PDB file of N, CA and C in Angstrom:
ATOM      1  N   MET A   1      51.619 122.782 -52.690  1.00  0.00           N
ATOM      2  CA  MET A   1      51.196 122.164 -53.919  1.00  0.00           C
ATOM      3  C   MET A   1      49.791 122.666 -54.261  1.00  0.00           C
ATOM      4  N   SER A   2      49.593 122.947 -55.510  1.00  0.00           N
ATOM      5  CA  SER A   2      48.294 123.455 -55.942  1.00  0.00           C
ATOM      6  C   SER A   2      47.275 122.319 -56.027  1.00  0.00           C
ATOM      7  N   VAL A   3      46.030 122.704 -56.157  1.00  0.00           N
ATOM      8  CA  VAL A   3      44.958 121.715 -56.288  1.00  0.00           C
ATOM      9  C   VAL A   3      45.147 120.913 -57.569  1.00  0.00           C
ATOM     10  N   GLN A   4      45.550 121.586 -58.621  1.00  0.00           N
ATOM     11  CA  GLN A   4      45.763 120.904 -59.895  1.00  0.00           C
ATOM     12  C   GLN A   4      46.880 119.866 -59.778  1.00  0.00           C
ATOM     13  N   GLY A   5      47.948 120.214 -59.092  1.00  0.00           N
ATOM     14  CA  GLY A   5      49.037 119.268 -58.875  1.00  0.00           C
ATOM     15  C   GLY A   5      48.596 118.077 -58.046  1.00  0.00           C
ATOM     16  N   LEU A   6      47.795 118.334 -57.030  1.00  0.00           N
ATOM     17  CA  LEU A   6      47.289 117.255 -56.184  1.00  0.00           C
ATOM     18  C   LEU A   6      46.394 116.302 -56.976  1.00  0.00           C
ATOM     19  N   LEU A   7      45.567 116.854 -57.857  1.00  0.00           N
ATOM     20  CA  LEU A   7      44.706 116.010 -58.683  1.00  0.00           C
ATOM     21  C   LEU A   7      45.525 115.145 -59.634  1.00  0.00           C
ATOM     22  N   TYR A   8      46.608 115.703 -60.189  1.00  0.00           N
ATOM     23  CA  TYR A   8      47.478 114.911 -61.052  1.00  0.00           C
ATOM     24  C   TYR A   8      48.154 113.790 -60.275  1.00  0.00           C
ATOM     25  N   VAL A   9      48.581 114.059 -59.041  1.00  0.00           N
ATOM     26  CA  VAL A   9      49.216 113.030 -58.211  1.00  0.00           C
ATOM     27  C   VAL A   9      48.222 111.909 -57.915  1.00  0.00           C
ATOM     28  N   ILE A  10      46.994 112.267 -57.581  1.00  0.00           N
ATOM     29  CA  ILE A  10      45.961 111.254 -57.331  1.00  0.00           C
ATOM     30  C   ILE A  10      45.711 110.428 -58.591  1.00  0.00           C
ATOM     31  N   ALA A  11      45.670 111.087 -59.745  1.00  0.00           N
ATOM     32  CA  ALA A  11      45.441 110.374 -61.003  1.00  0.00           C
ATOM     33  C   ALA A  11      46.559 109.382 -61.283  1.00  0.00           C
ATOM     34  N   VAL A  12      47.796 109.783 -61.060  1.00  0.00           N
ATOM     35  CA  VAL A  12      48.929 108.887 -61.305  1.00  0.00           C
ATOM     36  C   VAL A  12      48.880 107.696 -60.359  1.00  0.00           C
ATOM     37  N   ILE A  13      48.580 107.944 -59.093  1.00  0.00           N
ATOM     38  CA  ILE A  13      48.497 106.850 -58.123  1.00  0.00           C
ATOM     39  C   ILE A  13      47.400 105.865 -58.522  1.00  0.00           C
ATOM     40  N   LEU A  14      46.244 106.374 -58.923  1.00  0.00           N
ATOM     41  CA  LEU A  14      45.150 105.491 -59.329  1.00  0.00           C
ATOM     42  C   LEU A  14      45.496 104.696 -60.580  1.00  0.00           C
ATOM     43  N   LEU A  15      46.174 105.316 -61.528  1.00  0.00           N
ATOM     44  CA  LEU A  15      46.548 104.593 -62.744  1.00  0.00           C
ATOM     45  C   LEU A  15      47.596 103.529 -62.466  1.00  0.00           C
ATOM     46  N   VAL A  16      48.518 103.806 -61.543  1.00  0.00           N
ATOM     47  CA  VAL A  16      49.506 102.791 -61.160  1.00  0.00           C
ATOM     48  C   VAL A  16      48.817 101.634 -60.448  1.00  0.00           C
ATOM     49  N   LEU A  17      47.889 101.946 -59.552  1.00  0.00           N
ATOM     50  CA  LEU A  17      47.147 100.884 -58.868  1.00  0.00           C
ATOM     51  C   LEU A  17      46.312 100.063 -59.847  1.00  0.00           C
ATOM     52  N   ALA A  18      45.795 100.703 -60.885  1.00  0.00           N
ATOM     53  CA  ALA A  18      44.993  99.988 -61.880  1.00  0.00           C
ATOM     54  C   ALA A  18      45.848  99.010 -62.677  1.00  0.00           C
ATOM     55  N   ALA A  19      47.138  99.298 -62.814  1.00  0.00           N
ATOM     56  CA  ALA A  19      48.025  98.413 -63.566  1.00  0.00           C
ATOM     57  C   ALA A  19      48.427  97.184 -62.763  1.00  0.00           C
ATOM     58  N   LEU A  20      48.259  97.229 -61.456  1.00  0.00           N
ATOM     59  CA  LEU A  20      48.613  96.086 -60.617  1.00  0.00           C
ATOM     60  C   LEU A  20      47.528  95.015 -60.709  1.00  0.00           C
ATOM     61  N   PRO A  21      47.924  93.761 -60.545  1.00  0.00           N
ATOM     62  CA  PRO A  21      46.930  92.673 -60.647  1.00  0.00           C
ATOM     63  C   PRO A  21      46.131  92.482 -59.360  1.00  0.00           C
ATOM     64  N   ILE A  22      45.388  93.510 -58.979  1.00  0.00           N
ATOM     65  CA  ILE A  22      44.523  93.408 -57.805  1.00  0.00           C
ATOM     66  C   ILE A  22      43.084  93.577 -58.269  1.00  0.00           C
ATOM     67  N   GLY A  23      42.186  92.915 -57.598  1.00  0.00           N
ATOM     68  CA  GLY A  23      40.783  92.996 -57.979  1.00  0.00           C
ATOM     69  C   GLY A  23      40.052  94.036 -57.162  1.00  0.00           C
ATOM     70  N   THR A  24      39.329  94.898 -57.828  1.00  0.00           N
ATOM     71  CA  THR A  24      38.486  95.870 -57.137  1.00  0.00           C
ATOM     72  C   THR A  24      37.058  95.630 -57.572  1.00  0.00           C
ATOM     73  N   ARG A  25      36.160  95.659 -56.636  1.00  0.00           N
ATOM     74  CA  ARG A  25      34.754  95.386 -56.942  1.00  0.00           C
ATOM     75  C   ARG A  25      33.989  96.691 -57.139  1.00  0.00           C
ATOM     76  N   GLY A  26      33.298  96.769 -58.235  1.00  0.00           N
ATOM     77  CA  GLY A  26      32.394  97.883 -58.442  1.00  0.00           C
ATOM     78  C   GLY A  26      32.995  99.100 -59.119  1.00  0.00           C
ATOM     79  N   ILE A  27      34.270  99.408 -58.865  1.00  0.00           N
ATOM     80  CA  ILE A  27      34.852 100.605 -59.473  1.00  0.00           C
ATOM     81  C   ILE A  27      36.058 100.214 -60.314  1.00  0.00           C
ATOM     82  N   SER A  28      36.273 100.928 -61.363  1.00  0.00           N
ATOM     83  CA  SER A  28      37.446 100.725 -62.195  1.00  0.00           C
ATOM     84  C   SER A  28      38.462 101.809 -61.845  1.00  0.00           C
ATOM     85  N   LEU A  29      39.602 101.386 -61.318  1.00  0.00           N
ATOM     86  CA  LEU A  29      40.619 102.363 -60.932  1.00  0.00           C
ATOM     87  C   LEU A  29      41.161 103.110 -62.143  1.00  0.00           C
ATOM     88  N   ALA A  30      41.212 102.447 -63.295  1.00  0.00           N
ATOM     89  CA  ALA A  30      41.698 103.111 -64.502  1.00  0.00           C
ATOM     90  C   ALA A  30      40.757 104.242 -64.922  1.00  0.00           C
ATOM     91  N   LEU A  31      39.452 103.978 -64.882  1.00  0.00           N
ATOM     92  CA  LEU A  31      38.494 105.030 -65.243  1.00  0.00           C
ATOM     93  C   LEU A  31      38.500 106.156 -64.221  1.00  0.00           C
ATOM     94  N   LEU A  32      38.635 105.802 -62.955  1.00  0.00           N
ATOM     95  CA  LEU A  32      38.698 106.824 -61.918  1.00  0.00           C
ATOM     96  C   LEU A  32      39.963 107.668 -62.069  1.00  0.00           C
ATOM     97  N   GLY A  33      41.084 107.030 -62.393  1.00  0.00           N
ATOM     98  CA  GLY A  33      42.324 107.761 -62.630  1.00  0.00           C
ATOM     99  C   GLY A  33      42.221 108.677 -63.834  1.00  0.00           C
ATOM    100  N   ALA A  34      41.575 108.186 -64.893  1.00  0.00           N
ATOM    101  CA  ALA A  34      41.382 109.021 -66.080  1.00  0.00           C
ATOM    102  C   ALA A  34      40.482 110.210 -65.775  1.00  0.00           C
ATOM    103  N   ALA A  35      39.469 109.993 -64.948  1.00  0.00           N
ATOM    104  CA  ALA A  35      38.581 111.094 -64.570  1.00  0.00           C
ATOM    105  C   ALA A  35      39.333 112.150 -63.769  1.00  0.00           C
ATOM    106  N   PHE A  36      40.197 111.722 -62.845  1.00  0.00           N
ATOM    107  CA  PHE A  36      40.989 112.685 -62.084  1.00  0.00           C
ATOM    108  C   PHE A  36      41.968 113.424 -62.988  1.00  0.00           C
ATOM    109  N   ALA A  37      42.539 112.735 -63.976  1.00  0.00           N
ATOM    110  CA  ALA A  37      43.460 113.397 -64.903  1.00  0.00           C
ATOM    111  C   ALA A  37      42.736 114.459 -65.723  1.00  0.00           C
ATOM    112  N   LEU A  38      41.534 114.138 -66.194  1.00  0.00           N
ATOM    113  CA  LEU A  38      40.762 115.130 -66.947  1.00  0.00           C
ATOM    114  C   LEU A  38      40.345 116.301 -66.069  1.00  0.00           C
ATOM    115  N   LEU A  39      39.997 116.010 -64.825  1.00  0.00           N
ATOM    116  CA  LEU A  39      39.638 117.078 -63.899  1.00  0.00           C
ATOM    117  C   LEU A  39      40.831 117.995 -63.639  1.00  0.00           C
ATOM    118  N   ALA A  40      42.002 117.403 -63.457  1.00  0.00           N
ATOM    119  CA  ALA A  40      43.199 118.213 -63.228  1.00  0.00           C
ATOM    120  C   ALA A  40      43.540 119.048 -64.457  1.00  0.00           C
ATOM    121  N   TYR A  41      43.382 118.447 -65.642  1.00  0.00           N
ATOM    122  CA  TYR A  41      43.690 119.160 -66.873  1.00  0.00           C
ATOM    123  C   TYR A  41      42.777 120.369 -67.067  1.00  0.00           C
ATOM    124  N   SER A  42      41.512 120.217 -66.706  1.00  0.00           N
ATOM    125  CA  SER A  42      40.553 121.298 -66.933  1.00  0.00           C
ATOM    126  C   SER A  42      40.318 122.155 -65.694  1.00  0.00           C
ATOM    127  N   TRP A  43      41.126 122.001 -64.657  1.00  0.00           N
ATOM    128  CA  TRP A  43      40.905 122.713 -63.399  1.00  0.00           C
ATOM    129  C   TRP A  43      40.911 124.231 -63.588  1.00  0.00           C
ATOM    130  N   ASP A  44      41.829 124.747 -64.404  1.00  0.00           N
ATOM    131  CA  ASP A  44      41.888 126.199 -64.622  1.00  0.00           C
ATOM    132  C   ASP A  44      40.615 126.723 -65.285  1.00  0.00           C
ATOM    133  N   THR A  45      40.057 125.952 -66.208  1.00  0.00           N
ATOM    134  CA  THR A  45      38.826 126.362 -66.873  1.00  0.00           C
ATOM    135  C   THR A  45      37.636 126.300 -65.929  1.00  0.00           C
ATOM    136  N   ILE A  46      37.596 125.268 -65.099  1.00  0.00           N
ATOM    137  CA  ILE A  46      36.475 125.100 -64.171  1.00  0.00           C
ATOM    138  C   ILE A  46      36.451 126.220 -63.140  1.00  0.00           C
ATOM    139  N   THR A  47      37.614 126.587 -62.636  1.00  0.00           N
ATOM    140  CA  THR A  47      37.673 127.573 -61.558  1.00  0.00           C
ATOM    141  C   THR A  47      37.803 129.004 -62.059  1.00  0.00           C
ATOM    142  N   ALA A  48      37.785 129.213 -63.371  1.00  0.00           N
ATOM    143  CA  ALA A  48      37.932 130.568 -63.903  1.00  0.00           C
ATOM    144  C   ALA A  48      36.665 131.380 -63.736  1.00  0.00           C
TER     145      ALA A  48
END
């Protein structure tokens, strides 16, 4: 699996966890998932 694929998998897992009714202190799983999704989307540009 490529790095980009791994980042997308992490983003999906974080977004699913953010949808669950669990409390996290200090960090927003939805924002972290969105950040990983954007990183995965732009991975080719970053590493070019």
